[in-house]
Full PDB file with SEQRES, HELIX, SHEET, SSBOND, CRYST1, ORIGX, SCALE, CONECT and MASTER records, all heavy atoms in Angstrom:
SEQRES   1 A   42  VAL ASN GLY LYS ASP HIS ALA VAL PHE THR GLY ASP THR          
SEQRES   2 A   42  LEU PHE ILE GLY ASP VAL GLY ARG PRO ASP LEU ARG GLU          
SEQRES   3 A   42  ASN VAL GLY ASN LEU THR ALA GLN ARG GLU GLN LEU ALA          
SEQRES   4 A   42  ARG GLN MET                                                  
HELIX    1 AA1 ARG A   35  GLN A   41  1                                   7    
SHEET    1 AA1 2 LEU A  14  PHE A  15  0                                        
SHEET    2 AA1 2 ASP A  18  VAL A  19 -1                                        
CRYST1    1.000    1.000    1.000  90.00  90.00  90.00 P 1           1          
ORIGX1      1.000000  0.000000  0.000000        0.00000                         
ORIGX2      0.000000  1.000000  0.000000        0.00000                         
ORIGX3      0.000000  0.000000  1.000000        0.00000                         
SCALE1      1.000000  0.000000  0.000000        0.00000                         
SCALE2      0.000000  1.000000  0.000000        0.00000                         
SCALE3      0.000000  0.000000  1.000000        0.00000                         
ATOM      1  N   VAL A   1       0.859  -1.181   0.000  1.00  0.00           N  
ATOM      2  CA  VAL A   1       0.000   0.000   0.000  1.00  0.00           C  
ATOM      3  C   VAL A   1       0.900   1.236   0.000  1.00  0.00           C  
ATOM      4  O   VAL A   1       1.734   1.407   0.885  1.00  0.00           O  
ATOM      5  CB  VAL A   1      -0.937   0.017   1.227  1.00  0.00           C  
ATOM      6  CG1 VAL A   1      -1.838   1.250   1.185  1.00  0.00           C  
ATOM      7  CG2 VAL A   1      -1.773  -1.261   1.281  1.00  0.00           C  
ATOM      8  N   ASN A   2       0.729   2.047  -1.032  1.00  0.00           N  
ATOM      9  CA  ASN A   2       1.570   3.250  -1.182  1.00  0.00           C  
ATOM     10  C   ASN A   2       3.068   2.911  -1.081  1.00  0.00           C  
ATOM     11  O   ASN A   2       3.853   3.609  -0.446  1.00  0.00           O  
ATOM     12  CB  ASN A   2       1.207   4.302  -0.131  1.00  0.00           C  
ATOM     13  CG  ASN A   2      -0.195   4.836  -0.325  1.00  0.00           C  
ATOM     14  OD1 ASN A   2      -0.629   5.062  -1.472  1.00  0.00           O  
ATOM     15  ND2 ASN A   2      -0.918   5.046   0.765  1.00  0.00           N  
ATOM     16  N   GLY A   3       3.424   1.779  -1.682  1.00  0.00           N  
ATOM     17  CA  GLY A   3       4.825   1.391  -1.755  1.00  0.00           C  
ATOM     18  C   GLY A   3       5.358   0.622  -0.571  1.00  0.00           C  
ATOM     19  O   GLY A   3       6.504   0.167  -0.597  1.00  0.00           O  
ATOM     20  N   LYS A   4       4.565   0.444   0.500  1.00  0.00           N  
ATOM     21  CA  LYS A   4       5.026  -0.308   1.680  1.00  0.00           C  
ATOM     22  C   LYS A   4       4.309  -1.650   1.761  1.00  0.00           C  
ATOM     23  O   LYS A   4       3.083  -1.723   1.658  1.00  0.00           O  
ATOM     24  CB  LYS A   4       4.772   0.497   2.955  1.00  0.00           C  
ATOM     25  CG  LYS A   4       5.155  -0.264   4.230  1.00  0.00           C  
ATOM     26  CD  LYS A   4       4.968   0.588   5.472  1.00  0.00           C  
ATOM     27  CE  LYS A   4       5.134  -0.229   6.757  1.00  0.00           C  
ATOM     28  NZ  LYS A   4       6.346  -1.055   6.786  1.00  0.00           N  
ATOM     29  N   ASP A   5       5.087  -2.715   1.976  1.00  0.00           N  
ATOM     30  CA  ASP A   5       4.496  -4.041   2.117  1.00  0.00           C  
ATOM     31  C   ASP A   5       3.593  -4.077   3.349  1.00  0.00           C  
ATOM     32  O   ASP A   5       4.005  -3.716   4.459  1.00  0.00           O  
ATOM     33  CB  ASP A   5       5.590  -5.102   2.254  1.00  0.00           C  
ATOM     34  CG  ASP A   5       6.399  -5.274   0.977  1.00  0.00           C  
ATOM     35  OD1 ASP A   5       5.952  -4.795  -0.086  1.00  0.00           O  
ATOM     36  OD2 ASP A   5       7.481  -5.904   1.039  1.00  0.00           O  
ATOM     37  N   HIS A   6       2.367  -4.527   3.138  1.00  0.00           N  
ATOM     38  CA  HIS A   6       1.358  -4.523   4.201  1.00  0.00           C  
ATOM     39  C   HIS A   6       0.968  -5.943   4.621  1.00  0.00           C  
ATOM     40  O   HIS A   6       0.753  -6.202   5.813  1.00  0.00           O  
ATOM     41  CB  HIS A   6       0.120  -3.766   3.717  1.00  0.00           C  
ATOM     42  CG  HIS A   6      -1.050  -3.828   4.654  1.00  0.00           C  
ATOM     43  ND1 HIS A   6      -1.074  -3.161   5.860  1.00  0.00           N  
ATOM     44  CD2 HIS A   6      -2.239  -4.498   4.573  1.00  0.00           C  
ATOM     45  CE1 HIS A   6      -2.224  -3.404   6.476  1.00  0.00           C  
ATOM     46  NE2 HIS A   6      -2.943  -4.218   5.717  1.00  0.00           N  
ATOM     47  N   ALA A   7       0.830  -6.853   3.663  1.00  0.00           N  
ATOM     48  CA  ALA A   7       0.380  -8.215   3.966  1.00  0.00           C  
ATOM     49  C   ALA A   7       0.929  -9.163   2.912  1.00  0.00           C  
ATOM     50  O   ALA A   7       1.307  -8.749   1.812  1.00  0.00           O  
ATOM     51  CB  ALA A   7      -1.146  -8.289   3.998  1.00  0.00           C  
ATOM     52  N   VAL A   8       0.961 -10.451   3.263  1.00  0.00           N  
ATOM     53  CA  VAL A   8       1.346 -11.477   2.301  1.00  0.00           C  
ATOM     54  C   VAL A   8       0.342 -12.622   2.402  1.00  0.00           C  
ATOM     55  O   VAL A   8       0.009 -13.091   3.487  1.00  0.00           O  
ATOM     56  CB  VAL A   8       2.793 -11.974   2.534  1.00  0.00           C  
ATOM     57  CG1 VAL A   8       2.992 -12.541   3.941  1.00  0.00           C  
ATOM     58  CG2 VAL A   8       3.189 -12.999   1.475  1.00  0.00           C  
ATOM     59  N   PHE A   9      -0.161 -13.026   1.244  1.00  0.00           N  
ATOM     60  CA  PHE A   9      -1.100 -14.144   1.142  1.00  0.00           C  
ATOM     61  C   PHE A   9      -0.265 -15.360   0.741  1.00  0.00           C  
ATOM     62  O   PHE A   9       0.232 -15.434  -0.384  1.00  0.00           O  
ATOM     63  CB  PHE A   9      -2.195 -13.827   0.131  1.00  0.00           C  
ATOM     64  CG  PHE A   9      -2.987 -12.597   0.500  1.00  0.00           C  
ATOM     65  CD1 PHE A   9      -2.557 -11.339   0.087  1.00  0.00           C  
ATOM     66  CD2 PHE A   9      -4.128 -12.694   1.279  1.00  0.00           C  
ATOM     67  CE1 PHE A   9      -3.268 -10.197   0.437  1.00  0.00           C  
ATOM     68  CE2 PHE A   9      -4.839 -11.546   1.639  1.00  0.00           C  
ATOM     69  CZ  PHE A   9      -4.402 -10.299   1.218  1.00  0.00           C  
ATOM     70  N   THR A  10      -0.103 -16.273   1.667  1.00  0.00           N  
ATOM     71  CA  THR A  10       0.924 -17.306   1.535  1.00  0.00           C  
ATOM     72  C   THR A  10       0.427 -18.636   0.982  1.00  0.00           C  
ATOM     73  O   THR A  10       1.208 -19.582   0.863  1.00  0.00           O  
ATOM     74  CB  THR A  10       1.593 -17.547   2.898  1.00  0.00           C  
ATOM     75  OG1 THR A  10       0.575 -17.804   3.884  1.00  0.00           O  
ATOM     76  CG2 THR A  10       2.411 -16.334   3.316  1.00  0.00           C  
ATOM     77  N   GLY A  11      -0.859 -18.720   0.639  1.00  0.00           N  
ATOM     78  CA  GLY A  11      -1.364 -19.988   0.117  1.00  0.00           C  
ATOM     79  C   GLY A  11      -1.096 -21.109   1.095  1.00  0.00           C  
ATOM     80  O   GLY A  11      -1.390 -21.013   2.286  1.00  0.00           O  
ATOM     81  N   ASP A  12      -0.488 -22.204   0.594  1.00  0.00           N  
ATOM     82  CA  ASP A  12      -0.142 -23.332   1.458  1.00  0.00           C  
ATOM     83  C   ASP A  12       1.361 -23.384   1.726  1.00  0.00           C  
ATOM     84  O   ASP A  12       1.887 -24.431   2.111  1.00  0.00           O  
ATOM     85  CB  ASP A  12      -0.580 -24.647   0.806  1.00  0.00           C  
ATOM     86  CG  ASP A  12      -2.075 -24.858   0.865  1.00  0.00           C  
ATOM     87  OD1 ASP A  12      -2.802 -23.888   1.131  1.00  0.00           O  
ATOM     88  OD2 ASP A  12      -2.530 -25.995   0.632  1.00  0.00           O  
ATOM     89  N   THR A  13       2.051 -22.265   1.531  1.00  0.00           N  
ATOM     90  CA  THR A  13       3.482 -22.239   1.810  1.00  0.00           C  
ATOM     91  C   THR A  13       3.730 -21.996   3.297  1.00  0.00           C  
ATOM     92  O   THR A  13       4.322 -22.833   3.980  1.00  0.00           O  
ATOM     93  CB  THR A  13       4.188 -21.167   0.970  1.00  0.00           C  
ATOM     94  OG1 THR A  13       3.984 -21.445  -0.418  1.00  0.00           O  
ATOM     95  CG2 THR A  13       5.685 -21.150   1.249  1.00  0.00           C  
ATOM     96  N   LEU A  14       3.257 -20.886   3.812  1.00  0.00           N  
ATOM     97  CA  LEU A  14       3.428 -20.561   5.233  1.00  0.00           C  
ATOM     98  C   LEU A  14       2.066 -20.501   5.901  1.00  0.00           C  
ATOM     99  O   LEU A  14       1.185 -19.745   5.486  1.00  0.00           O  
ATOM    100  CB  LEU A  14       4.146 -19.211   5.383  1.00  0.00           C  
ATOM    101  CG  LEU A  14       4.327 -18.691   6.813  1.00  0.00           C  
ATOM    102  CD1 LEU A  14       5.189 -19.645   7.638  1.00  0.00           C  
ATOM    103  CD2 LEU A  14       4.927 -17.285   6.795  1.00  0.00           C  
ATOM    104  N   PHE A  15       1.892 -21.318   6.925  1.00  0.00           N  
ATOM    105  CA  PHE A  15       0.692 -21.289   7.743  1.00  0.00           C  
ATOM    106  C   PHE A  15       1.005 -20.595   9.068  1.00  0.00           C  
ATOM    107  O   PHE A  15       2.160 -20.275   9.356  1.00  0.00           O  
ATOM    108  CB  PHE A  15       0.189 -22.710   8.024  1.00  0.00           C  
ATOM    109  CG  PHE A  15      -0.224 -23.478   6.798  1.00  0.00           C  
ATOM    110  CD1 PHE A  15       0.257 -24.760   6.575  1.00  0.00           C  
ATOM    111  CD2 PHE A  15      -1.098 -22.928   5.879  1.00  0.00           C  
ATOM    112  CE1 PHE A  15      -0.135 -25.487   5.462  1.00  0.00           C  
ATOM    113  CE2 PHE A  15      -1.494 -23.639   4.756  1.00  0.00           C  
ATOM    114  CZ  PHE A  15      -1.015 -24.923   4.544  1.00  0.00           C  
ATOM    115  N   ILE A  16      -0.011 -20.411   9.882  1.00  0.00           N  
ATOM    116  CA  ILE A  16       0.213 -19.899  11.231  1.00  0.00           C  
ATOM    117  C   ILE A  16       0.660 -21.089  12.075  1.00  0.00           C  
ATOM    118  O   ILE A  16      -0.104 -22.017  12.311  1.00  0.00           O  
ATOM    119  CB  ILE A  16      -1.059 -19.254  11.818  1.00  0.00           C  
ATOM    120  CG1 ILE A  16      -1.707 -18.305  10.803  1.00  0.00           C  
ATOM    121  CG2 ILE A  16      -0.731 -18.554  13.126  1.00  0.00           C  
ATOM    122  CD1 ILE A  16      -0.790 -17.247  10.247  1.00  0.00           C  
ATOM    123  N   GLY A  17       1.941 -21.076  12.478  1.00  0.00           N  
ATOM    124  CA  GLY A  17       2.480 -22.165  13.280  1.00  0.00           C  
ATOM    125  C   GLY A  17       3.059 -23.327  12.503  1.00  0.00           C  
ATOM    126  O   GLY A  17       3.526 -24.303  13.099  1.00  0.00           O  
ATOM    127  N   ASP A  18       3.057 -23.259  11.177  1.00  0.00           N  
ATOM    128  CA  ASP A  18       3.486 -24.414  10.387  1.00  0.00           C  
ATOM    129  C   ASP A  18       3.840 -23.954   8.975  1.00  0.00           C  
ATOM    130  O   ASP A  18       3.685 -22.768   8.625  1.00  0.00           O  
ATOM    131  CB  ASP A  18       2.362 -25.445  10.336  1.00  0.00           C  
ATOM    132  CG  ASP A  18       2.822 -26.855   9.976  1.00  0.00           C  
ATOM    133  OD1 ASP A  18       4.031 -27.047   9.738  1.00  0.00           O  
ATOM    134  OD2 ASP A  18       1.969 -27.767   9.931  1.00  0.00           O  
ATOM    135  N   VAL A  19       4.293 -24.881   8.147  1.00  0.00           N  
ATOM    136  CA  VAL A  19       4.444 -24.656   6.708  1.00  0.00           C  
ATOM    137  C   VAL A  19       3.766 -25.809   5.986  1.00  0.00           C  
ATOM    138  O   VAL A  19       3.448 -26.844   6.588  1.00  0.00           O  
ATOM    139  CB  VAL A  19       5.932 -24.571   6.288  1.00  0.00           C  
ATOM    140  CG1 VAL A  19       6.581 -23.315   6.843  1.00  0.00           C  
ATOM    141  CG2 VAL A  19       6.703 -25.818   6.691  1.00  0.00           C  
ATOM    142  N   GLY A  20       3.528 -25.656   4.705  1.00  0.00           N  
ATOM    143  CA  GLY A  20       2.814 -26.670   3.946  1.00  0.00           C  
ATOM    144  C   GLY A  20       3.588 -27.975   3.828  1.00  0.00           C  
ATOM    145  O   GLY A  20       4.814 -27.982   3.706  1.00  0.00           O  
ATOM    146  N   ARG A  21       2.861 -29.069   3.844  1.00  0.00           N  
ATOM    147  CA  ARG A  21       3.498 -30.381   3.715  1.00  0.00           C  
ATOM    148  C   ARG A  21       4.097 -30.538   2.319  1.00  0.00           C  
ATOM    149  O   ARG A  21       3.534 -30.038   1.338  1.00  0.00           O  
ATOM    150  CB  ARG A  21       2.500 -31.502   4.012  1.00  0.00           C  
ATOM    151  CG  ARG A  21       1.339 -31.579   3.039  1.00  0.00           C  
ATOM    152  CD  ARG A  21       0.255 -32.544   3.511  1.00  0.00           C  
ATOM    153  NE  ARG A  21       0.753 -33.898   3.646  1.00  0.00           N  
ATOM    154  CZ  ARG A  21       0.018 -34.902   4.146  1.00  0.00           C  
ATOM    155  NH1 ARG A  21      -1.245 -34.673   4.536  1.00  0.00           N  
ATOM    156  NH2 ARG A  21       0.523 -36.109   4.248  1.00  0.00           N  
ATOM    157  N   PRO A  22       5.202 -31.263   2.182  1.00  0.00           N  
ATOM    158  CA  PRO A  22       5.888 -31.358   0.898  1.00  0.00           C  
ATOM    159  C   PRO A  22       5.672 -32.679   0.160  1.00  0.00           C  
ATOM    160  O   PRO A  22       6.419 -32.989  -0.770  1.00  0.00           O  
ATOM    161  CB  PRO A  22       7.356 -31.231   1.320  1.00  0.00           C  
ATOM    162  CG  PRO A  22       7.406 -31.979   2.614  1.00  0.00           C  
ATOM    163  CD  PRO A  22       6.060 -31.739   3.288  1.00  0.00           C  
ATOM    164  N   ASP A  23       4.655 -33.448   0.561  1.00  0.00           N  
ATOM    165  CA  ASP A  23       4.542 -34.816   0.036  1.00  0.00           C  
ATOM    166  C   ASP A  23       3.292 -35.058  -0.808  1.00  0.00           C  
ATOM    167  O   ASP A  23       2.856 -36.206  -0.958  1.00  0.00           O  
ATOM    168  CB  ASP A  23       4.569 -35.815   1.201  1.00  0.00           C  
ATOM    169  CG  ASP A  23       3.493 -35.556   2.244  1.00  0.00           C  
ATOM    170  OD1 ASP A  23       2.876 -34.474   2.215  1.00  0.00           O  
ATOM    171  OD2 ASP A  23       3.266 -36.434   3.098  1.00  0.00           O  
ATOM    172  N   LEU A  24       2.726 -33.989  -1.378  1.00  0.00           N  
ATOM    173  CA  LEU A  24       1.480 -34.164  -2.131  1.00  0.00           C  
ATOM    174  C   LEU A  24       1.672 -34.139  -3.643  1.00  0.00           C  
ATOM    175  O   LEU A  24       0.720 -34.360  -4.385  1.00  0.00           O  
ATOM    176  CB  LEU A  24       0.465 -33.070  -1.746  1.00  0.00           C  
ATOM    177  CG  LEU A  24       0.043 -33.017  -0.282  1.00  0.00           C  
ATOM    178  CD1 LEU A  24      -1.005 -31.929  -0.080  1.00  0.00           C  
ATOM    179  CD2 LEU A  24      -0.482 -34.368   0.195  1.00  0.00           C  
ATOM    180  N   ARG A  25       2.891 -33.863  -4.101  1.00  0.00           N  
ATOM    181  CA  ARG A  25       3.063 -33.683  -5.539  1.00  0.00           C  
ATOM    182  C   ARG A  25       4.082 -34.656  -6.140  1.00  0.00           C  
ATOM    183  O   ARG A  25       4.786 -34.330  -7.085  1.00  0.00           O  
ATOM    184  CB  ARG A  25       3.466 -32.229  -5.801  1.00  0.00           C  
ATOM    185  CG  ARG A  25       2.330 -31.239  -5.553  1.00  0.00           C  
ATOM    186  CD  ARG A  25       1.203 -31.375  -6.573  1.00  0.00           C  
ATOM    187  NE  ARG A  25       1.657 -30.975  -7.876  1.00  0.00           N  
ATOM    188  CZ  ARG A  25       1.677 -29.715  -8.305  1.00  0.00           C  
ATOM    189  NH1 ARG A  25       1.254 -28.744  -7.518  1.00  0.00           N  
ATOM    190  NH2 ARG A  25       2.114 -29.422  -9.499  1.00  0.00           N  
ATOM    191  N   GLU A  26       4.125 -35.841  -5.589  1.00  0.00           N  
ATOM    192  CA  GLU A  26       5.059 -36.835  -6.107  1.00  0.00           C  
ATOM    193  C   GLU A  26       4.508 -37.546  -7.342  1.00  0.00           C  
ATOM    194  O   GLU A  26       5.276 -38.110  -8.125  1.00  0.00           O  
ATOM    195  CB  GLU A  26       5.403 -37.846  -5.008  1.00  0.00           C  
ATOM    196  CG  GLU A  26       6.152 -37.204  -3.846  1.00  0.00           C  
ATOM    197  CD  GLU A  26       6.594 -38.179  -2.783  1.00  0.00           C  
ATOM    198  OE1 GLU A  26       5.769 -39.000  -2.345  1.00  0.00           O  
ATOM    199  OE2 GLU A  26       7.763 -38.109  -2.386  1.00  0.00           O  
ATOM    200  N   ASN A  27       3.180 -37.520  -7.505  1.00  0.00           N  
ATOM    201  CA  ASN A  27       2.583 -38.270  -8.616  1.00  0.00           C  
ATOM    202  C   ASN A  27       1.553 -37.493  -9.420  1.00  0.00           C  
ATOM    203  O   ASN A  27       1.005 -38.028 -10.386  1.00  0.00           O  
ATOM    204  CB  ASN A  27       1.914 -39.546  -8.071  1.00  0.00           C  
ATOM    205  CG  ASN A  27       2.884 -40.449  -7.357  1.00  0.00           C  
ATOM    206  OD1 ASN A  27       3.864 -40.891  -7.939  1.00  0.00           O  
ATOM    207  ND2 ASN A  27       2.623 -40.725  -6.078  1.00  0.00           N  
ATOM    208  N   VAL A  28       1.263 -36.238  -9.046  1.00  0.00           N  
ATOM    209  CA  VAL A  28       0.204 -35.494  -9.737  1.00  0.00           C  
ATOM    210  C   VAL A  28       0.671 -34.085 -10.073  1.00  0.00           C  
ATOM    211  O   VAL A  28       1.639 -33.581  -9.504  1.00  0.00           O  
ATOM    212  CB  VAL A  28      -1.084 -35.415  -8.891  1.00  0.00           C  
ATOM    213  CG1 VAL A  28      -1.689 -36.783  -8.693  1.00  0.00           C  
ATOM    214  CG2 VAL A  28      -0.822 -34.750  -7.543  1.00  0.00           C  
ATOM    215  N   GLY A  29      -0.064 -33.453 -10.995  1.00  0.00           N  
ATOM    216  CA  GLY A  29       0.233 -32.075 -11.353  1.00  0.00           C  
ATOM    217  C   GLY A  29       1.106 -31.975 -12.593  1.00  0.00           C  
ATOM    218  O   GLY A  29       1.636 -32.956 -13.103  1.00  0.00           O  
ATOM    219  N   ASN A  30       1.246 -30.756 -13.067  1.00  0.00           N  
ATOM    220  CA  ASN A  30       2.086 -30.512 -14.237  1.00  0.00           C  
ATOM    221  C   ASN A  30       3.549 -30.791 -13.921  1.00  0.00           C  
ATOM    222  O   ASN A  30       4.278 -31.347 -14.734  1.00  0.00           O  
ATOM    223  CB  ASN A  30       1.921 -29.058 -14.690  1.00  0.00           C  
ATOM    224  CG  ASN A  30       2.657 -28.761 -15.979  1.00  0.00           C  
ATOM    225  OD1 ASN A  30       2.419 -29.418 -16.978  1.00  0.00           O  
ATOM    226  ND2 ASN A  30       3.551 -27.795 -15.952  1.00  0.00           N  
ATOM    227  N   LEU A  31       3.980 -30.387 -12.715  1.00  0.00           N  
ATOM    228  CA  LEU A  31       5.323 -30.672 -12.239  1.00  0.00           C  
ATOM    229  C   LEU A  31       5.225 -31.596 -11.036  1.00  0.00           C  
ATOM    230  O   LEU A  31       4.447 -31.343 -10.123  1.00  0.00           O  
ATOM    231  CB  LEU A  31       6.037 -29.380 -11.812  1.00  0.00           C  
ATOM    232  CG  LEU A  31       6.434 -28.390 -12.905  1.00  0.00           C  
ATOM    233  CD1 LEU A  31       7.065 -27.160 -12.275  1.00  0.00           C  
ATOM    234  CD2 LEU A  31       7.406 -29.033 -13.897  1.00  0.00           C  
ATOM    235  N   THR A  32       5.973 -32.680 -11.056  1.00  0.00           N  
ATOM    236  CA  THR A  32       6.023 -33.560  -9.891  1.00  0.00           C  
ATOM    237  C   THR A  32       7.397 -33.422  -9.241  1.00  0.00           C  
ATOM    238  O   THR A  32       8.378 -33.063  -9.892  1.00  0.00           O  
ATOM    239  CB  THR A  32       5.778 -35.027 -10.276  1.00  0.00           C  
ATOM    240  OG1 THR A  32       6.754 -35.431 -11.247  1.00  0.00           O  
ATOM    241  CG2 THR A  32       4.385 -35.200 -10.870  1.00  0.00           C  
ATOM    242  N   ALA A  33       7.443 -33.681  -7.948  1.00  0.00           N  
ATOM    243  CA  ALA A  33       8.699 -33.572  -7.222  1.00  0.00           C  
ATOM    244  C   ALA A  33       8.643 -34.446  -5.983  1.00  0.00           C  
ATOM    245  O   ALA A  33       7.588 -34.596  -5.367  1.00  0.00           O  
ATOM    246  CB  ALA A  33       8.967 -32.121  -6.829  1.00  0.00           C  
ATOM    247  N   GLN A  34       9.764 -35.050  -5.631  1.00  0.00           N  
ATOM    248  CA  GLN A  34       9.835 -35.859  -4.434  1.00  0.00           C  
ATOM    249  C   GLN A  34       9.757 -34.986  -3.191  1.00  0.00           C  
ATOM    250  O   GLN A  34      10.151 -33.819  -3.196  1.00  0.00           O  
ATOM    251  CB  GLN A  34      11.129 -36.663  -4.432  1.00  0.00           C  
ATOM    252  CG  GLN A  34      11.218 -37.687  -5.563  1.00  0.00           C  
ATOM    253  CD  GLN A  34      10.089 -38.718  -5.500  1.00  0.00           C  
ATOM    254  OE1 GLN A  34       9.912 -39.377  -4.474  1.00  0.00           O  
ATOM    255  NE2 GLN A  34       9.340 -38.848  -6.574  1.00  0.00           N  
ATOM    256  N   ARG A  35       9.268 -35.564  -2.118  1.00  0.00           N  
ATOM    257  CA  ARG A  35       9.049 -34.787  -0.890  1.00  0.00           C  
ATOM    258  C   ARG A  35      10.330 -34.148  -0.359  1.00  0.00           C  
ATOM    259  O   ARG A  35      10.300 -33.018   0.116  1.00  0.00           O  
ATOM    260  CB  ARG A  35       8.384 -35.657   0.169  1.00  0.00           C  
ATOM    261  CG  ARG A  35       9.178 -36.861   0.622  1.00  0.00           C  
ATOM    262  CD  ARG A  35       8.337 -37.789   1.482  1.00  0.00           C  
ATOM    263  NE  ARG A  35       7.273 -38.392   0.678  1.00  0.00           N  
ATOM    264  CZ  ARG A  35       6.290 -39.129   1.179  1.00  0.00           C  
ATOM    265  NH1 ARG A  35       6.216 -39.337   2.471  1.00  0.00           N  
ATOM    266  NH2 ARG A  35       5.359 -39.649   0.396  1.00  0.00           N  
ATOM    267  N   GLU A  36      11.461 -34.841  -0.457  1.00  0.00           N  
ATOM    268  CA  GLU A  36      12.692 -34.248   0.050  1.00  0.00           C  
ATOM    269  C   GLU A  36      13.098 -33.038  -0.784  1.00  0.00           C  
ATOM    270  O   GLU A  36      13.532 -32.020  -0.247  1.00  0.00           O  
ATOM    271  CB  GLU A  36      13.833 -35.275   0.060  1.00  0.00           C  
ATOM    272  CG  GLU A  36      15.130 -34.686   0.590  1.00  0.00           C  
ATOM    273  CD  GLU A  36      16.237 -35.702   0.743  1.00  0.00           C  
ATOM    274  OE1 GLU A  36      15.939 -36.864   1.078  1.00  0.00           O  
ATOM    275  OE2 GLU A  36      17.404 -35.331   0.534  1.00  0.00           O  
ATOM    276  N   GLN A  37      12.917 -33.143  -2.104  1.00  0.00           N  
ATOM    277  CA  GLN A  37      13.238 -32.011  -2.981  1.00  0.00           C  
ATOM    278  C   GLN A  37      12.372 -30.804  -2.641  1.00  0.00           C  
ATOM    279  O   GLN A  37      12.861 -29.670  -2.546  1.00  0.00           O  
ATOM    280  CB  GLN A  37      13.030 -32.418  -4.440  1.00  0.00           C  
ATOM    281  CG  GLN A  37      13.257 -31.290  -5.438  1.00  0.00           C  
ATOM    282  CD  GLN A  37      12.849 -31.688  -6.852  1.00  0.00           C  
ATOM    283  OE1 GLN A  37      12.541 -32.857  -7.111  1.00  0.00           O  
ATOM    284  NE2 GLN A  37      12.834 -30.740  -7.755  1.00  0.00           N  
ATOM    285  N   LEU A  38      11.082 -31.042  -2.435  1.00  0.00           N  
ATOM    286  CA  LEU A  38      10.181 -29.938  -2.108  1.00  0.00           C  
ATOM    287  C   LEU A  38      10.474 -29.384  -0.712  1.00  0.00           C  
ATOM    288  O   LEU A  38      10.376 -28.170  -0.494  1.00  0.00           O  
ATOM    289  CB  LEU A  38       8.726 -30.393  -2.204  1.00  0.00           C  
ATOM    290  CG  LEU A  38       8.168 -30.479  -3.625  1.00  0.00           C  
ATOM    291  CD1 LEU A  38       6.775 -31.086  -3.620  1.00  0.00           C  
ATOM    292  CD2 LEU A  38       8.143 -29.103  -4.278  1.00  0.00           C  
ATOM    293  N   ALA A  39      10.815 -30.243   0.228  1.00  0.00           N  
ATOM    294  CA  ALA A  39      11.157 -29.768   1.568  1.00  0.00           C  
ATOM    295  C   ALA A  39      12.365 -28.831   1.519  1.00  0.00           C  
ATOM    296  O   ALA A  39      12.413 -27.817   2.225  1.00  0.00           O  
ATOM    297  CB  ALA A  39      11.433 -30.947   2.491  1.00  0.00           C  
ATOM    298  N   ARG A  40      13.319 -29.149   0.671  1.00  0.00           N  
ATOM    299  CA  ARG A  40      14.495 -28.268   0.527  1.00  0.00           C  
ATOM    300  C   ARG A  40      14.089 -26.938  -0.112  1.00  0.00           C  
ATOM    301  O   ARG A  40      14.591 -25.870   0.269  1.00  0.00           O  
ATOM    302  CB  ARG A  40      15.588 -28.968  -0.286  1.00  0.00           C  
ATOM    303  CG  ARG A  40      16.189 -30.162   0.438  1.00  0.00           C  
ATOM    304  CD  ARG A  40      17.405 -30.746  -0.246  1.00  0.00           C  
ATOM    305  NE  ARG A  40      17.856 -31.928   0.486  1.00  0.00           N  
ATOM    306  CZ  ARG A  40      18.589 -31.889   1.596  1.00  0.00           C  
ATOM    307  NH1 ARG A  40      18.972 -30.723   2.088  1.00  0.00           N  
ATOM    308  NH2 ARG A  40      18.954 -33.005   2.211  1.00  0.00           N  
ATOM    309  N   GLN A  41      13.181 -26.996  -1.066  1.00  0.00           N  
ATOM    310  CA  GLN A  41      12.690 -25.755  -1.661  1.00  0.00           C  
ATOM    311  C   GLN A  41      11.943 -24.923  -0.630  1.00  0.00           C  
ATOM    312  O   GLN A  41      12.049 -23.686  -0.618  1.00  0.00           O  
ATOM    313  CB  GLN A  41      11.790 -26.077  -2.859  1.00  0.00           C  
ATOM    314  CG  GLN A  41      12.534 -26.667  -4.049  1.00  0.00           C  
ATOM    315  CD  GLN A  41      11.609 -26.993  -5.207  1.00  0.00           C  
ATOM    316  OE1 GLN A  41      10.389 -26.917  -5.089  1.00  0.00           O  
ATOM    317  NE2 GLN A  41      12.198 -27.374  -6.330  1.00  0.00           N  
ATOM    318  N   MET A  42      11.203 -25.589   0.248  1.00  0.00           N  
ATOM    319  CA  MET A  42      10.482 -24.873   1.303  1.00  0.00           C  
ATOM    320  C   MET A  42      11.461 -24.159   2.233  1.00  0.00           C  
ATOM    321  O   MET A  42      11.210 -23.017   2.667  1.00  0.00           O  
ATOM    322  CB  MET A  42       9.601 -25.834   2.099  1.00  0.00           C  
ATOM    323  CG  MET A  42       8.800 -25.180   3.227  1.00  0.00           C  
ATOM    324  SD  MET A  42       7.537 -24.035   2.614  1.00  0.00           S  
ATOM    325  CE  MET A  42       6.232 -25.206   2.185  1.00  0.00           C  
TER     326      MET A  42                                                      
MASTER        0    0    0    1    2    0    0    6  325    1    0    4          
END                                                                             
């Protein structure tokens, strides 16, 4: 807002008290990735 960061909508990346699980995209989606690879990206 007026050039200053006010909020971030984090989807399933950052939760309150947690982060998103990394084991849901090993077999589905346009891009698949193993849980360890995604955990490192997280």
